[in-house]
Amino acid sequence: MANVMVYPPGPGLARGYDYNYFGVPPQSPQSALGYSPLVAPAPAAVTIPAGLPFGRHKVKKRHSKTVVARAQVPFQPSFLVIPDDIADKFVIEEIRVGQRVAWTHGSIPAAVFSEKAFNPFPLALPPVIPGMHIYMRVKNISCHHSHHFRAALSGAAPAPCY
């Protein structure tokens, strides 16, 4: 864990100390008031919610289709969310991140990932970077109709530094 140097507040330039207007400490390890700097742990990484939609794809009855999403920001996918109205009509067969098969446990009902699932099923997918493709193979298990598949991955992304 990295350490951050924390200096006691100084009086600024008015009394000739080595602090500037923004409170930047002096370059020496000794503060302007003669105190030794305090060592504090670095703040934890700040994250923001992120999502990656897969769009809307028509899947014929009893057929499989691979849907693709392209990451726009770096983030760690944690959950797959599928709308309740279609969740009982599909099964998830495979998820790939880039060229790597990241998740394949056979066919799992999409209802496990529905919006109103009691306990959301966490995914252990690798982090994605901008431009990386995520592939998901889904199968329409309906016997009578074609349906449009919609889904999104959600997770945490690092907060931008401004």
Foldseek 3Di string as FASTA:
>chain_A
DDKDWDDDQDPEPPVPFPAHPVRDFDPDQAGSVRHGTDIDHDDDFDKDKDKWKQDKAKAWAQGKDKTKTFDAAKFFFWAKEWEPVCQQFKWWAFKAKAPHGQDGDGTHGSVQRYPVHPDTDTGRGDIHHGGIMMMIMMGGHDPPGIGMTIMMTMGIHGDDDD
